[in-house]
Amino acid sequence: MATSKKNNYASADLDFAELQLAKWKQYLEDNPYDEVEDRKELMQTKTGGAYYAVVQTKEAIQKSLRETTKEYLAMVEVVKKLREAEEAKQIEARGKQEVTLFESGDI
């Protein structure tokens, strides 16, 4: 009788959360809060001219960075809990026994 392999959703969630954390951390490092400037883009006029217009203010960008930082810190807690759950499952799978390393002098 063939047994089906169960999906380990906790480890998939952990992998996803760790990946998301890495991306958010890189974004926050690449966009320092104190160096934010208004985001401007070149806009075209109907007559063929062009001008720069503010499409996102400094304050809006800083608010986004603050929210990302809050989400990052919350996700760190989630990852910690998922890791603890994963470790608990591994201990249960071993029958709550410590695994000793094999040494050549043990034979």
C-alpha atoms as a PDB file:
ATOM      1  CA  MET A   1       0.000   0.000   0.000  1.00  0.00           C
ATOM      2  CA  ALA A   2       1.508   3.296  -1.060  1.00  0.00           C
ATOM      3  CA  THR A   3       1.611   6.126   1.397  1.00  0.00           C
ATOM      4  CA  SER A   4       1.147   9.658   0.267  1.00  0.00           C
ATOM      5  CA  LYS A   5       3.597  12.307   1.332  1.00  0.00           C
ATOM      6  CA  LYS A   6       1.921  15.021   3.376  1.00  0.00           C
ATOM      7  CA  ASN A   7       2.652  18.626   2.558  1.00  0.00           C
ATOM      8  CA  ASN A   8       4.506  20.419   5.287  1.00  0.00           C
ATOM      9  CA  TYR A   9       2.735  23.767   5.206  1.00  0.00           C
ATOM     10  CA  ALA A  10       4.605  25.096   8.229  1.00  0.00           C
ATOM     11  CA  SER A  11       7.947  24.778   6.458  1.00  0.00           C
ATOM     12  CA  ALA A  12       6.498  26.304   3.269  1.00  0.00           C
ATOM     13  CA  ASP A  13       5.158  29.227   5.288  1.00  0.00           C
ATOM     14  CA  LEU A  14       8.510  29.555   7.030  1.00  0.00           C
ATOM     15  CA  ASP A  15      10.375  29.618   3.712  1.00  0.00           C
ATOM     16  CA  PHE A  16       7.994  32.243   2.329  1.00  0.00           C
ATOM     17  CA  ALA A  17       8.230  34.388   5.467  1.00  0.00           C
ATOM     18  CA  GLU A  18      12.024  34.254   5.438  1.00  0.00           C
ATOM     19  CA  LEU A  19      12.090  35.219   1.768  1.00  0.00           C
ATOM     20  CA  GLN A  20       9.729  38.134   2.424  1.00  0.00           C
ATOM     21  CA  LEU A  21      11.854  39.274   5.358  1.00  0.00           C
ATOM     22  CA  ALA A  22      14.961  39.303   3.190  1.00  0.00           C
ATOM     23  CA  LYS A  23      13.213  41.399   0.529  1.00  0.00           C
ATOM     24  CA  TRP A  24      11.836  43.892   3.056  1.00  0.00           C
ATOM     25  CA  LYS A  25      15.212  44.192   4.770  1.00  0.00           C
ATOM     26  CA  GLN A  26      16.933  44.895   1.445  1.00  0.00           C
ATOM     27  CA  TYR A  27      14.272  47.500   0.558  1.00  0.00           C
ATOM     28  CA  LEU A  28      14.713  49.261   3.893  1.00  0.00           C
ATOM     29  CA  GLU A  29      18.512  49.219   3.545  1.00  0.00           C
ATOM     30  CA  ASP A  30      18.320  50.582  -0.014  1.00  0.00           C
ATOM     31  CA  ASN A  31      15.973  53.427   1.006  1.00  0.00           C
ATOM     32  CA  PRO A  32      17.309  55.097   4.165  1.00  0.00           C
ATOM     33  CA  TYR A  33      14.580  56.992   6.026  1.00  0.00           C
ATOM     34  CA  ASP A  34      16.639  60.163   6.451  1.00  0.00           C
ATOM     35  CA  GLU A  35      17.687  60.388   2.797  1.00  0.00           C
ATOM     36  CA  VAL A  36      14.193  60.341   1.272  1.00  0.00           C
ATOM     37  CA  GLU A  37      13.350  62.990  -1.345  1.00  0.00           C
ATOM     38  CA  ASP A  38      10.134  63.757  -3.222  1.00  0.00           C
ATOM     39  CA  ARG A  39       9.693  61.397  -6.183  1.00  0.00           C
ATOM     40  CA  LYS A  40       9.333  63.326  -9.425  1.00  0.00           C
ATOM     41  CA  GLU A  41       8.563  62.135 -12.911  1.00  0.00           C
ATOM     42  CA  LEU A  42       8.754  63.836 -16.263  1.00  0.00           C
ATOM     43  CA  MET A  43       5.250  64.685 -17.513  1.00  0.00           C
ATOM     44  CA  GLN A  44       4.332  65.527 -21.101  1.00  0.00           C
ATOM     45  CA  THR A  45       2.063  68.428 -22.004  1.00  0.00           C
ATOM     46  CA  LYS A  46      -0.442  68.353 -24.856  1.00  0.00           C
ATOM     47  CA  THR A  47       1.643  70.841 -26.793  1.00  0.00           C
ATOM     48  CA  GLY A  48       4.770  68.675 -26.718  1.00  0.00           C
ATOM     49  CA  GLY A  49       6.484  70.280 -23.745  1.00  0.00           C
ATOM     50  CA  ALA A  50       7.609  68.542 -20.602  1.00  0.00           C
ATOM     51  CA  TYR A  51       7.864  69.328 -16.904  1.00  0.00           C
ATOM     52  CA  TYR A  52       8.684  67.521 -13.688  1.00  0.00           C
ATOM     53  CA  ALA A  53       5.802  66.820 -11.324  1.00  0.00           C
ATOM     54  CA  VAL A  54       5.873  65.415  -7.806  1.00  0.00           C
ATOM     55  CA  VAL A  55       4.190  62.010  -7.888  1.00  0.00           C
ATOM     56  CA  GLN A  56       4.988  61.025  -4.304  1.00  0.00           C
ATOM     57  CA  THR A  57       5.920  63.370  -1.493  1.00  0.00           C
ATOM     58  CA  LYS A  58       8.725  62.821   0.987  1.00  0.00           C
ATOM     59  CA  GLU A  59       6.178  62.401   3.772  1.00  0.00           C
ATOM     60  CA  ALA A  60       4.275  59.684   1.896  1.00  0.00           C
ATOM     61  CA  ILE A  61       7.485  57.782   1.195  1.00  0.00           C
ATOM     62  CA  GLN A  62       8.547  58.027   4.840  1.00  0.00           C
ATOM     63  CA  LYS A  63       5.126  56.768   5.948  1.00  0.00           C
ATOM     64  CA  SER A  64       5.539  53.783   3.619  1.00  0.00           C
ATOM     65  CA  LEU A  65       8.980  53.073   5.105  1.00  0.00           C
ATOM     66  CA  ARG A  66       7.576  53.251   8.656  1.00  0.00           C
ATOM     67  CA  GLU A  67       4.783  50.826   7.757  1.00  0.00           C
ATOM     68  CA  THR A  68       7.247  48.463   6.089  1.00  0.00           C
ATOM     69  CA  THR A  69       9.420  48.557   9.207  1.00  0.00           C
ATOM     70  CA  LYS A  70       6.405  47.691  11.386  1.00  0.00           C
ATOM     71  CA  GLU A  71       5.461  44.810   9.089  1.00  0.00           C
ATOM     72  CA  TYR A  72       9.083  43.612   9.050  1.00  0.00           C
ATOM     73  CA  LEU A  73       9.227  43.502  12.853  1.00  0.00           C
ATOM     74  CA  ALA A  74       5.874  41.702  13.044  1.00  0.00           C
ATOM     75  CA  MET A  75       7.062  39.162  10.458  1.00  0.00           C
ATOM     76  CA  VAL A  76      10.210  38.512  12.523  1.00  0.00           C
ATOM     77  CA  GLU A  77       7.949  37.363  15.370  1.00  0.00           C
ATOM     78  CA  VAL A  78       5.973  35.112  13.013  1.00  0.00           C
ATOM     79  CA  VAL A  79       9.173  33.530  11.690  1.00  0.00           C
ATOM     80  CA  LYS A  80      10.389  32.933  15.237  1.00  0.00           C
ATOM     81  CA  LYS A  81       7.129  31.145  16.133  1.00  0.00           C
ATOM     82  CA  LEU A  82       7.212  29.072  12.924  1.00  0.00           C
ATOM     83  CA  ARG A  83      10.806  28.017  13.632  1.00  0.00           C
ATOM     84  CA  GLU A  84       9.853  26.972  17.163  1.00  0.00           C
ATOM     85  CA  ALA A  85       6.913  24.956  15.806  1.00  0.00           C
ATOM     86  CA  GLU A  86       9.171  23.314  13.221  1.00  0.00           C
ATOM     87  CA  GLU A  87      11.724  22.385  15.895  1.00  0.00           C
ATOM     88  CA  ALA A  88       8.963  20.973  18.118  1.00  0.00           C
ATOM     89  CA  LYS A  89       7.755  18.777  15.235  1.00  0.00           C
ATOM     90  CA  GLN A  90      11.263  17.469  14.644  1.00  0.00           C
ATOM     91  CA  ILE A  91      11.657  16.553  18.312  1.00  0.00           C
ATOM     92  CA  GLU A  92       8.264  14.778  18.261  1.00  0.00           C
ATOM     93  CA  ALA A  93       9.267  12.901  15.120  1.00  0.00           C
ATOM     94  CA  ARG A  94      12.299  11.531  16.939  1.00  0.00           C
ATOM     95  CA  GLY A  95      10.163  10.241  19.784  1.00  0.00           C
ATOM     96  CA  LYS A  96      11.310  13.006  22.145  1.00  0.00           C
ATOM     97  CA  GLN A  97      14.735  11.436  22.363  1.00  0.00           C
ATOM     98  CA  GLU A  98      18.039  13.138  21.879  1.00  0.00           C
ATOM     99  CA  VAL A  99      19.981  11.940  18.863  1.00  0.00           C
ATOM    100  CA  THR A 100      23.614  11.133  19.618  1.00  0.00           C
ATOM    101  CA  LEU A 101      26.331  11.414  17.056  1.00  0.00           C
ATOM    102  CA  PHE A 102      28.104   8.253  15.967  1.00  0.00           C
ATOM    103  CA  GLU A 103      31.790   8.233  16.800  1.00  0.00           C
ATOM    104  CA  SER A 104      34.322   5.764  15.432  1.00  0.00           C
ATOM    105  CA  GLY A 105      35.327   4.642  18.955  1.00  0.00           C
ATOM    106  CA  ASP A 106      31.751   3.520  19.764  1.00  0.00           C
ATOM    107  CA  ILE A 107      32.034   0.215  17.868  1.00  0.00           C
END
